[in-house]
Amino acid sequence: MPRKTISLPEDLAEFVDENHINLSRFVQDKLRELAESGQKDEDELTEEQAKEIAQKLEKLGYLDR
């Protein structure tokens, strides 16, 4: 299986370590959920779904407002 690299902010990396989260498995599961939902590209997102994703990314520190 090909490997991909992601970057995490330091606080999230600590959270993953402290809670013994299998990040690889977590990401695989989430990607499978997206693939199975039939959402093939961002153009298919509803405005509500896009807002929800933006809120989650902001909460995780990926968006600066």
PDB file of N, CA and C in Angstrom:
ATOM      1  N   MET A   1       0.859  -1.176   0.000  1.00  0.00           N
ATOM      2  CA  MET A   1       0.000   0.000   0.000  1.00  0.00           C
ATOM      3  C   MET A   1       0.906   1.239   0.000  1.00  0.00           C
ATOM      4  N   PRO A   2       0.653   2.182  -0.914  1.00  0.00           N
ATOM      5  CA  PRO A   2       1.480   3.386  -0.947  1.00  0.00           C
ATOM      6  C   PRO A   2       1.287   4.221   0.320  1.00  0.00           C
ATOM      7  N   ARG A   3       2.335   4.872   0.743  1.00  0.00           N
ATOM      8  CA  ARG A   3       2.275   5.720   1.925  1.00  0.00           C
ATOM      9  C   ARG A   3       2.134   7.174   1.524  1.00  0.00           C
ATOM     10  N   LYS A   4       1.373   7.907   2.316  1.00  0.00           N
ATOM     11  CA  LYS A   4       1.219   9.349   2.141  1.00  0.00           C
ATOM     12  C   LYS A   4       1.624   9.997   3.452  1.00  0.00           C
ATOM     13  N   THR A   5       2.116  11.200   3.382  1.00  0.00           N
ATOM     14  CA  THR A   5       2.550  11.919   4.569  1.00  0.00           C
ATOM     15  C   THR A   5       1.618  13.093   4.814  1.00  0.00           C
ATOM     16  N   ILE A   6       1.227  13.274   6.071  1.00  0.00           N
ATOM     17  CA  ILE A   6       0.440  14.437   6.449  1.00  0.00           C
ATOM     18  C   ILE A   6       1.169  15.161   7.572  1.00  0.00           C
ATOM     19  N   SER A   7       0.861  16.428   7.723  1.00  0.00           N
ATOM     20  CA  SER A   7       1.445  17.224   8.796  1.00  0.00           C
ATOM     21  C   SER A   7       0.355  17.574   9.792  1.00  0.00           C
ATOM     22  N   LEU A   8       0.716  17.538  11.057  1.00  0.00           N
ATOM     23  CA  LEU A   8      -0.214  17.899  12.119  1.00  0.00           C
ATOM     24  C   LEU A   8       0.377  19.026  12.942  1.00  0.00           C
ATOM     25  N   PRO A   9      -0.472  19.940  13.398  1.00  0.00           N
ATOM     26  CA  PRO A   9       0.020  20.927  14.346  1.00  0.00           C
ATOM     27  C   PRO A   9       0.495  20.198  15.606  1.00  0.00           C
ATOM     28  N   GLU A  10       1.423  20.792  16.301  1.00  0.00           N
ATOM     29  CA  GLU A  10       2.039  20.147  17.465  1.00  0.00           C
ATOM     30  C   GLU A  10       1.012  19.697  18.498  1.00  0.00           C
ATOM     31  N   ASP A  11      -0.016  20.542  18.756  1.00  0.00           N
ATOM     32  CA  ASP A  11      -1.009  20.166  19.769  1.00  0.00           C
ATOM     33  C   ASP A  11      -1.799  18.931  19.359  1.00  0.00           C
ATOM     34  N   LEU A  12      -2.107  18.813  18.065  1.00  0.00           N
ATOM     35  CA  LEU A  12      -2.833  17.627  17.605  1.00  0.00           C
ATOM     36  C   LEU A  12      -1.941  16.389  17.617  1.00  0.00           C
ATOM     37  N   ALA A  13      -0.681  16.567  17.294  1.00  0.00           N
ATOM     38  CA  ALA A  13       0.251  15.443  17.339  1.00  0.00           C
ATOM     39  C   ALA A  13       0.363  14.915  18.766  1.00  0.00           C
ATOM     40  N   GLU A  14       0.422  15.830  19.736  1.00  0.00           N
ATOM     41  CA  GLU A  14       0.467  15.421  21.141  1.00  0.00           C
ATOM     42  C   GLU A  14      -0.815  14.694  21.534  1.00  0.00           C
ATOM     43  N   PHE A  15      -1.967  15.204  21.085  1.00  0.00           N
ATOM     44  CA  PHE A  15      -3.248  14.569  21.382  1.00  0.00           C
ATOM     45  C   PHE A  15      -3.287  13.147  20.836  1.00  0.00           C
ATOM     46  N   VAL A  16      -2.822  12.963  19.609  1.00  0.00           N
ATOM     47  CA  VAL A  16      -2.791  11.638  18.992  1.00  0.00           C
ATOM     48  C   VAL A  16      -1.905  10.705  19.818  1.00  0.00           C
ATOM     49  N   ASP A  17      -0.732  11.196  20.214  1.00  0.00           N
ATOM     50  CA  ASP A  17       0.184  10.374  21.006  1.00  0.00           C
ATOM     51  C   ASP A  17      -0.394  10.045  22.384  1.00  0.00           C
ATOM     52  N   GLU A  18      -0.916  11.056  23.057  1.00  0.00           N
ATOM     53  CA  GLU A  18      -1.431  10.860  24.413  1.00  0.00           C
ATOM     54  C   GLU A  18      -2.621   9.907  24.449  1.00  0.00           C
ATOM     55  N   ASN A  19      -3.416   9.888  23.387  1.00  0.00           N
ATOM     56  CA  ASN A  19      -4.617   9.058  23.355  1.00  0.00           C
ATOM     57  C   ASN A  19      -4.428   7.766  22.558  1.00  0.00           C
ATOM     58  N   HIS A  20      -3.185   7.507  22.177  1.00  0.00           N
ATOM     59  CA  HIS A  20      -2.837   6.262  21.480  1.00  0.00           C
ATOM     60  C   HIS A  20      -3.753   6.013  20.275  1.00  0.00           C
ATOM     61  N   ILE A  21      -3.961   7.066  19.499  1.00  0.00           N
ATOM     62  CA  ILE A  21      -4.826   6.972  18.326  1.00  0.00           C
ATOM     63  C   ILE A  21      -4.018   6.410  17.159  1.00  0.00           C
ATOM     64  N   ASN A  22      -4.571   5.398  16.517  1.00  0.00           N
ATOM     65  CA  ASN A  22      -3.960   4.860  15.309  1.00  0.00           C
ATOM     66  C   ASN A  22      -4.378   5.782  14.170  1.00  0.00           C
ATOM     67  N   LEU A  23      -3.566   6.787  13.913  1.00  0.00           N
ATOM     68  CA  LEU A  23      -3.921   7.822  12.953  1.00  0.00           C
ATOM     69  C   LEU A  23      -4.108   7.255  11.551  1.00  0.00           C
ATOM     70  N   SER A  24      -3.295   6.300  11.173  1.00  0.00           N
ATOM     71  CA  SER A  24      -3.416   5.702   9.848  1.00  0.00           C
ATOM     72  C   SER A  24      -4.785   5.060   9.678  1.00  0.00           C
ATOM     73  N   ARG A  25      -5.204   4.304  10.655  1.00  0.00           N
ATOM     74  CA  ARG A  25      -6.508   3.634  10.586  1.00  0.00           C
ATOM     75  C   ARG A  25      -7.640   4.657  10.588  1.00  0.00           C
ATOM     76  N   PHE A  26      -7.510   5.682  11.425  1.00  0.00           N
ATOM     77  CA  PHE A  26      -8.530   6.723  11.514  1.00  0.00           C
ATOM     78  C   PHE A  26      -8.713   7.404  10.161  1.00  0.00           C
ATOM     79  N   VAL A  27      -7.620   7.792   9.536  1.00  0.00           N
ATOM     80  CA  VAL A  27      -7.684   8.475   8.241  1.00  0.00           C
ATOM     81  C   VAL A  27      -8.254   7.539   7.175  1.00  0.00           C
ATOM     82  N   GLN A  28      -7.824   6.272   7.176  1.00  0.00           N
ATOM     83  CA  GLN A  28      -8.356   5.322   6.199  1.00  0.00           C
ATOM     84  C   GLN A  28      -9.869   5.184   6.339  1.00  0.00           C
ATOM     85  N   ASP A  29     -10.347   5.062   7.579  1.00  0.00           N
ATOM     86  CA  ASP A  29     -11.786   4.931   7.815  1.00  0.00           C
ATOM     87  C   ASP A  29     -12.549   6.152   7.318  1.00  0.00           C
ATOM     88  N   LYS A  30     -12.030   7.343   7.613  1.00  0.00           N
ATOM     89  CA  LYS A  30     -12.702   8.567   7.180  1.00  0.00           C
ATOM     90  C   LYS A  30     -12.711   8.689   5.656  1.00  0.00           C
ATOM     91  N   LEU A  31     -11.617   8.324   5.013  1.00  0.00           N
ATOM     92  CA  LEU A  31     -11.565   8.378   3.556  1.00  0.00           C
ATOM     93  C   LEU A  31     -12.537   7.375   2.938  1.00  0.00           C
ATOM     94  N   ARG A  32     -12.655   6.193   3.541  1.00  0.00           N
ATOM     95  CA  ARG A  32     -13.623   5.206   3.053  1.00  0.00           C
ATOM     96  C   ARG A  32     -15.045   5.746   3.181  1.00  0.00           C
ATOM     97  N   GLU A  33     -15.339   6.384   4.319  1.00  0.00           N
ATOM     98  CA  GLU A  33     -16.668   6.972   4.513  1.00  0.00           C
ATOM     99  C   GLU A  33     -16.985   7.975   3.405  1.00  0.00           C
ATOM    100  N   LEU A  34     -16.011   8.827   3.097  1.00  0.00           N
ATOM    101  CA  LEU A  34     -16.208   9.814   2.036  1.00  0.00           C
ATOM    102  C   LEU A  34     -16.425   9.143   0.684  1.00  0.00           C
ATOM    103  N   ALA A  35     -15.621   8.126   0.392  1.00  0.00           N
ATOM    104  CA  ALA A  35     -15.728   7.439  -0.889  1.00  0.00           C
ATOM    105  C   ALA A  35     -17.076   6.741  -1.015  1.00  0.00           C
ATOM    106  N   GLU A  36     -17.535   6.133   0.060  1.00  0.00           N
ATOM    107  CA  GLU A  36     -18.801   5.402   0.031  1.00  0.00           C
ATOM    108  C   GLU A  36     -20.013   6.328   0.010  1.00  0.00           C
ATOM    109  N   SER A  37     -19.829   7.566   0.422  1.00  0.00           N
ATOM    110  CA  SER A  37     -20.952   8.494   0.447  1.00  0.00           C
ATOM    111  C   SER A  37     -21.321   8.989  -0.952  1.00  0.00           C
ATOM    112  N   GLY A  38     -20.480   8.655  -1.926  1.00  0.00           N
ATOM    113  CA  GLY A  38     -20.761   9.064  -3.295  1.00  0.00           C
ATOM    114  C   GLY A  38     -20.289  10.474  -3.604  1.00  0.00           C
ATOM    115  N   GLN A  39     -19.633  11.112  -2.688  1.00  0.00           N
ATOM    116  CA  GLN A  39     -19.115  12.463  -2.896  1.00  0.00           C
ATOM    117  C   GLN A  39     -17.762  12.344  -3.586  1.00  0.00           C
ATOM    118  N   LYS A  40     -17.736  12.556  -4.897  1.00  0.00           N
ATOM    119  CA  LYS A  40     -16.503  12.347  -5.645  1.00  0.00           C
ATOM    120  C   LYS A  40     -15.620  13.587  -5.734  1.00  0.00           C
ATOM    121  N   ASP A  41     -16.220  14.765  -5.672  1.00  0.00           N
ATOM    122  CA  ASP A  41     -15.387  15.962  -5.670  1.00  0.00           C
ATOM    123  C   ASP A  41     -16.089  17.069  -4.899  1.00  0.00           C
ATOM    124  N   GLU A  42     -15.361  18.118  -4.628  1.00  0.00           N
ATOM    125  CA  GLU A  42     -15.870  19.201  -3.784  1.00  0.00           C
ATOM    126  C   GLU A  42     -17.069  19.918  -4.398  1.00  0.00           C
ATOM    127  N   ASP A  43     -17.221  19.880  -5.708  1.00  0.00           N
ATOM    128  CA  ASP A  43     -18.349  20.546  -6.350  1.00  0.00           C
ATOM    129  C   ASP A  43     -19.683  19.933  -5.944  1.00  0.00           C
ATOM    130  N   GLU A  44     -19.663  18.716  -5.446  1.00  0.00           N
ATOM    131  CA  GLU A  44     -20.889  18.036  -5.066  1.00  0.00           C
ATOM    132  C   GLU A  44     -21.306  18.324  -3.626  1.00  0.00           C
ATOM    133  N   LEU A  45     -20.491  19.036  -2.862  1.00  0.00           N
ATOM    134  CA  LEU A  45     -20.824  19.356  -1.475  1.00  0.00           C
ATOM    135  C   LEU A  45     -21.947  20.378  -1.423  1.00  0.00           C
ATOM    136  N   THR A  46     -22.849  20.174  -0.490  1.00  0.00           N
ATOM    137  CA  THR A  46     -23.854  21.197  -0.255  1.00  0.00           C
ATOM    138  C   THR A  46     -23.198  22.317   0.539  1.00  0.00           C
ATOM    139  N   GLU A  47     -23.842  23.453   0.565  1.00  0.00           N
ATOM    140  CA  GLU A  47     -23.294  24.568   1.324  1.00  0.00           C
ATOM    141  C   GLU A  47     -23.184  24.202   2.803  1.00  0.00           C
ATOM    142  N   GLU A  48     -24.171  23.485   3.301  1.00  0.00           N
ATOM    143  CA  GLU A  48     -24.159  23.068   4.710  1.00  0.00           C
ATOM    144  C   GLU A  48     -22.981  22.133   5.000  1.00  0.00           C
ATOM    145  N   GLN A  49     -22.704  21.192   4.099  1.00  0.00           N
ATOM    146  CA  GLN A  49     -21.580  20.282   4.279  1.00  0.00           C
ATOM    147  C   GLN A  49     -20.255  21.036   4.234  1.00  0.00           C
ATOM    148  N   ALA A  50     -20.144  21.984   3.327  1.00  0.00           N
ATOM    149  CA  ALA A  50     -18.919  22.779   3.230  1.00  0.00           C
ATOM    150  C   ALA A  50     -18.686  23.589   4.498  1.00  0.00           C
ATOM    151  N   LYS A  51     -19.754  24.166   5.049  1.00  0.00           N
ATOM    152  CA  LYS A  51     -19.627  24.927   6.287  1.00  0.00           C
ATOM    153  C   LYS A  51     -19.208  24.033   7.442  1.00  0.00           C
ATOM    154  N   GLU A  52     -19.777  22.829   7.498  1.00  0.00           N
ATOM    155  CA  GLU A  52     -19.426  21.888   8.558  1.00  0.00           C
ATOM    156  C   GLU A  52     -17.948  21.495   8.479  1.00  0.00           C
ATOM    157  N   ILE A  53     -17.470  21.238   7.275  1.00  0.00           N
ATOM    158  CA  ILE A  53     -16.067  20.900   7.086  1.00  0.00           C
ATOM    159  C   ILE A  53     -15.180  22.073   7.482  1.00  0.00           C
ATOM    160  N   ALA A  54     -15.561  23.276   7.073  1.00  0.00           N
ATOM    161  CA  ALA A  54     -14.784  24.464   7.423  1.00  0.00           C
ATOM    162  C   ALA A  54     -14.719  24.655   8.936  1.00  0.00           C
ATOM    163  N   GLN A  55     -15.834  24.429   9.621  1.00  0.00           N
ATOM    164  CA  GLN A  55     -15.846  24.567  11.078  1.00  0.00           C
ATOM    165  C   GLN A  55     -14.922  23.548  11.735  1.00  0.00           C
ATOM    166  N   LYS A  56     -14.937  22.324  11.230  1.00  0.00           N
ATOM    167  CA  LYS A  56     -14.062  21.290  11.786  1.00  0.00           C
ATOM    168  C   LYS A  56     -12.599  21.629  11.548  1.00  0.00           C
ATOM    169  N   LEU A  57     -12.271  22.105  10.338  1.00  0.00           N
ATOM    170  CA  LEU A  57     -10.890  22.482  10.038  1.00  0.00           C
ATOM    171  C   LEU A  57     -10.442  23.657  10.891  1.00  0.00           C
ATOM    172  N   GLU A  58     -11.328  24.620  11.093  1.00  0.00           N
ATOM    173  CA  GLU A  58     -11.001  25.770  11.932  1.00  0.00           C
ATOM    174  C   GLU A  58     -10.745  25.323  13.369  1.00  0.00           C
ATOM    175  N   LYS A  59     -11.581  24.429  13.865  1.00  0.00           N
ATOM    176  CA  LYS A  59     -11.441  23.909  15.223  1.00  0.00           C
ATOM    177  C   LYS A  59     -10.102  23.189  15.399  1.00  0.00           C
ATOM    178  N   LEU A  60      -9.654  22.509  14.331  1.00  0.00           N
ATOM    179  CA  LEU A  60      -8.385  21.788  14.369  1.00  0.00           C
ATOM    180  C   LEU A  60      -7.180  22.701  14.137  1.00  0.00           C
ATOM    181  N   GLY A  61      -7.426  23.968  13.830  1.00  0.00           N
ATOM    182  CA  GLY A  61      -6.332  24.911  13.652  1.00  0.00           C
ATOM    183  C   GLY A  61      -5.824  25.041  12.230  1.00  0.00           C
ATOM    184  N   TYR A  62      -6.556  24.530  11.265  1.00  0.00           N
ATOM    185  CA  TYR A  62      -6.111  24.606   9.879  1.00  0.00           C
ATOM    186  C   TYR A  62      -6.547  25.870   9.174  1.00  0.00           C
ATOM    187  N   LEU A  63      -7.541  26.564   9.700  1.00  0.00           N
ATOM    188  CA  LEU A  63      -8.018  27.795   9.079  1.00  0.00           C
ATOM    189  C   LEU A  63      -7.841  28.944  10.050  1.00  0.00           C
ATOM    190  N   ASP A  64      -7.261  30.007   9.574  1.00  0.00           N
ATOM    191  CA  ASP A  64      -7.127  31.219  10.396  1.00  0.00           C
ATOM    192  C   ASP A  64      -8.127  32.227   9.907  1.00  0.00           C
ATOM    193  N   ARG A  65      -8.948  32.720  10.809  1.00  0.00           N
ATOM    194  CA  ARG A  65      -9.938  33.722  10.428  1.00  0.00           C
ATOM    195  C   ARG A  65      -9.639  35.010  11.107  1.00  0.00           C
TER     196      ARG A  65
END
